[in-house]
């Protein structure tokens, strides 16, 4: 029997659950319609299709992750903020693998809602990098390094890629500590460059 009160939010939420359960590539409108107890054409009253559903999941995932990272970083600075954010990131990705996969997509140019959602995540990281006195291009370099390291670790872990008999938690903690140390060095290097430029001027 079709469920009463079907809304776009309800459709997307169920899509999120399916994506987390079976993986984003296996999320189909047919499976979603069956889960909701409706005929597949009924979904088009609420979403534009598979691409539209994945976009909606990505938007919600980006905003949710931004909130998770923001709460992890609040009241912390530099290494403490990096560590808290990194552990929150990893935990969220492990708990929501389908949503995590969805948010990896960069915004399509002109998609204002997606651009805003993506900027929300970046803003949290920028605030943390500001604690290292990293701004502008330096901050972007650091954010990309942080994202690449965490995404690589999370992806390998999810795929069962760590088979050596060494504690994974230890390895993750050392990775995060290494990043914090690197950003400190970048900060000191940037400060030295600015001082040198001022002296030569």
Protein backbone atom coordinates (compact mmCIF):
# COMPACT_ATOMS: atom_id res chain seq x y z
CA UNK A 1 0.00 0.00 0.00
CA UNK A 2 1.42 3.42 -0.93
CA UNK A 3 2.52 5.52 1.99
CA UNK A 4 0.58 8.70 2.61
CA UNK A 5 2.25 12.06 2.87
CA UNK A 6 5.20 11.33 0.58
CA UNK A 7 7.43 14.40 0.28
CA UNK A 8 10.72 15.28 -1.38
CA UNK A 9 12.46 15.17 2.00
CA UNK A 10 11.04 11.72 2.72
CA UNK A 11 12.14 10.43 -0.69
CA UNK A 12 15.67 11.77 -0.28
CA UNK A 13 15.98 10.47 3.29
CA UNK A 14 15.03 6.98 2.16
CA UNK A 15 17.47 7.29 -0.71
CA UNK A 16 20.18 8.14 1.80
CA UNK A 17 19.40 5.04 3.84
CA UNK A 18 19.54 2.78 0.80
CA UNK A 19 22.80 4.36 -0.38
CA UNK A 20 24.35 3.77 3.04
CA UNK A 21 23.11 0.18 3.09
CA UNK A 22 24.03 -0.99 -0.41
CA UNK A 23 26.35 1.71 -1.77
CA UNK A 24 25.62 4.77 -3.87
CA UNK A 25 26.18 3.01 -7.24
CA UNK A 26 23.48 0.47 -6.31
CA UNK A 27 20.89 3.10 -5.43
CA UNK A 28 18.14 2.86 -8.05
CA UNK A 29 14.76 4.48 -8.37
CA UNK A 30 13.21 1.03 -8.58
CA UNK A 31 14.66 0.07 -5.21
CA UNK A 32 13.63 3.41 -3.75
CA UNK A 33 10.07 3.09 -5.00
CA UNK A 34 9.81 -0.42 -3.59
CA UNK A 35 11.10 0.74 -0.21
CA UNK A 36 8.59 3.59 -0.13
CA UNK A 37 5.72 1.40 -1.30
CA UNK A 38 4.94 3.44 -4.40
CA UNK A 39 5.17 3.03 -8.14
CA UNK A 40 8.36 4.39 -9.66
CA UNK A 41 6.61 7.14 -11.69
CA UNK A 42 5.31 8.58 -8.42
CA UNK A 43 8.85 9.50 -7.45
CA UNK A 44 9.07 12.01 -10.29
CA UNK A 45 6.64 14.24 -8.43
CA UNK A 46 9.41 14.79 -5.88
CA UNK A 47 12.73 14.27 -7.69
CA UNK A 48 13.88 14.72 -11.28
CA UNK A 49 15.48 11.29 -11.58
CA UNK A 50 18.56 9.44 -10.43
CA UNK A 51 20.86 12.42 -10.99
CA UNK A 52 18.51 14.70 -9.12
CA UNK A 53 18.28 12.25 -6.24
CA UNK A 54 22.06 11.95 -6.00
CA UNK A 55 22.42 15.73 -6.11
CA UNK A 56 19.96 16.10 -3.24
CA UNK A 57 21.78 13.45 -1.23
CA UNK A 58 25.08 15.23 -1.90
CA UNK A 59 23.68 18.59 -0.78
CA UNK A 60 22.35 17.19 2.46
CA UNK A 61 25.54 15.23 3.07
CA UNK A 62 27.76 18.27 2.60
CA UNK A 63 25.69 20.36 4.97
CA UNK A 64 25.55 17.56 7.53
CA UNK A 65 29.31 16.98 7.36
CA UNK A 66 29.95 20.71 7.70
CA UNK A 67 27.93 20.66 10.91
CA UNK A 68 29.77 17.61 12.22
CA UNK A 69 33.18 19.14 11.50
CA UNK A 70 32.18 22.51 12.89
CA UNK A 71 31.08 20.98 16.18
CA UNK A 72 34.28 18.96 16.34
CA UNK A 73 36.48 22.00 15.81
CA UNK A 74 34.67 24.54 17.99
CA UNK A 75 36.75 25.74 20.92
CA UNK A 76 39.87 24.01 19.58
CA UNK A 77 42.88 25.27 17.66
CA UNK A 78 45.66 23.99 15.45
CA UNK A 79 46.60 20.37 16.23
CA UNK A 80 43.70 19.80 18.60
CA UNK A 81 41.24 21.08 16.00
CA UNK A 82 42.82 18.99 13.22
CA UNK A 83 42.68 15.83 15.35
CA UNK A 84 39.09 16.38 16.47
CA UNK A 85 37.95 17.15 12.92
CA UNK A 86 39.82 14.18 11.48
CA UNK A 87 38.27 11.70 13.89
CA UNK A 88 34.79 13.19 13.34
CA UNK A 89 35.29 12.99 9.57
CA UNK A 90 36.38 9.38 9.69
CA UNK A 91 33.53 8.35 11.99
CA UNK A 92 30.90 10.08 9.87
CA UNK A 93 32.28 8.50 6.69
CA UNK A 94 32.23 5.03 8.25
CA UNK A 95 28.67 5.46 9.50
CA UNK A 96 27.34 6.91 6.22
CA UNK A 97 29.29 5.33 3.34
CA UNK A 98 26.68 6.07 0.69
CA UNK A 99 26.31 9.69 1.70
CA UNK A 100 30.07 10.01 1.95
CA UNK A 101 30.43 8.82 -1.64
CA UNK A 102 27.77 11.29 -2.77
CA UNK A 103 29.47 14.35 -1.32
CA UNK A 104 32.71 13.76 -3.23
CA UNK A 105 31.25 15.38 -6.32
CA UNK A 106 32.28 18.97 -6.93
CA UNK A 107 29.46 21.45 -7.65
CA UNK A 108 28.35 21.83 -11.24
CA UNK A 109 29.17 25.40 -12.29
CA UNK A 110 26.12 27.57 -11.68
CA UNK A 111 24.54 25.21 -9.15
CA UNK A 112 24.29 27.79 -6.39
CA UNK A 113 22.85 25.48 -3.75
CA UNK A 114 25.63 22.96 -4.26
CA UNK A 115 28.27 25.70 -4.27
CA UNK A 116 26.96 26.98 -0.93
CA UNK A 117 26.88 23.48 0.57
CA UNK A 118 30.45 22.79 -0.55
CA UNK A 119 31.58 26.18 0.76
CA UNK A 120 30.11 25.31 4.16
CA UNK A 121 32.51 22.38 4.48
CA UNK A 122 35.48 24.39 3.21
CA UNK A 123 34.69 27.26 5.59
CA UNK A 124 35.17 25.04 8.64
CA UNK A 125 38.56 23.90 7.37
CA UNK A 126 39.54 27.48 6.47
CA UNK A 127 38.80 28.60 10.01
CA UNK A 128 41.07 25.88 11.36
CA UNK A 129 43.84 26.75 8.91
CA UNK A 130 43.58 30.39 9.98
CA UNK A 131 44.82 29.21 13.37
CA UNK A 132 48.03 28.23 11.59
CA UNK A 133 48.17 31.65 9.90
CA UNK A 134 47.49 29.91 6.58
CA UNK A 135 45.31 32.00 4.28
CA UNK A 136 44.35 32.28 0.62
CA UNK A 137 46.29 29.82 -1.59
CA UNK A 138 48.23 28.48 1.39
CA UNK A 139 44.97 27.59 3.12
CA UNK A 140 43.65 25.88 -0.02
CA UNK A 141 46.85 23.83 -0.29
CA UNK A 142 46.47 22.74 3.33
CA UNK A 143 42.77 21.94 2.96
CA UNK A 144 43.45 19.83 -0.12
CA UNK A 145 46.24 17.98 1.67
CA UNK A 146 44.00 17.32 4.66
CA UNK A 147 41.13 16.12 2.50
CA UNK A 148 43.34 13.92 0.33
CA UNK A 149 44.96 12.27 3.34
CA UNK A 150 41.71 11.64 5.20
CA UNK A 151 39.83 10.49 2.10
CA UNK A 152 42.63 8.13 1.16
CA UNK A 153 42.71 6.59 4.62
CA UNK A 154 38.93 6.30 4.90
CA UNK A 155 38.58 4.81 1.42
CA UNK A 156 41.34 2.24 1.93
CA UNK A 157 39.95 1.29 5.33
CA UNK A 158 36.43 0.82 3.94
CA UNK A 159 37.78 -1.36 1.13
CA UNK A 160 39.72 -3.57 3.55
CA UNK A 161 42.99 -2.24 2.20
CA UNK A 162 44.90 -2.30 5.48
CA UNK A 163 46.00 -5.89 5.99
CA UNK A 164 49.27 -5.50 7.86
CA UNK A 165 49.19 -6.54 11.55
CA UNK A 166 49.56 -3.02 12.94
CA UNK A 167 46.84 -1.20 14.85
CA UNK A 168 44.83 0.96 12.43
CA UNK A 169 43.96 3.49 15.14
CA UNK A 170 47.65 4.04 15.81
CA UNK A 171 48.30 4.59 12.12
CA UNK A 172 45.44 7.07 11.82
CA UNK A 173 46.57 9.02 14.87
CA UNK A 174 50.09 9.28 13.49
CA UNK A 175 48.79 10.41 10.11
CA UNK A 176 46.77 13.17 11.75
CA UNK A 177 49.68 14.22 13.96
CA UNK A 178 51.89 14.35 10.89
CA UNK A 179 49.45 16.64 9.13
CA UNK A 180 49.33 18.99 12.11
CA UNK A 181 53.13 19.10 12.18
CA UNK A 182 53.26 19.78 8.45
CA UNK A 183 50.82 22.67 8.71
CA UNK A 184 52.91 24.18 11.50
CA UNK A 185 55.95 24.01 9.22
CA UNK A 186 53.98 25.57 6.36
CA UNK A 187 52.90 28.36 8.67
CA UNK A 188 56.46 29.05 9.78
CA UNK A 189 57.63 28.97 6.17
CA UNK A 190 54.96 31.45 5.11
CA UNK A 191 55.88 33.75 8.00
CA UNK A 192 59.56 33.61 7.02
CA UNK A 193 58.70 34.43 3.41
CA UNK A 194 56.66 37.45 4.47
CA UNK A 195 59.44 38.67 6.76
CA UNK A 196 62.02 38.23 4.02
CA UNK A 197 59.89 40.12 1.53
CA UNK A 198 59.41 42.99 4.00
CA UNK A 199 63.14 43.16 4.74
CA UNK A 200 64.13 43.15 1.08
CA UNK A 201 61.56 45.83 0.32
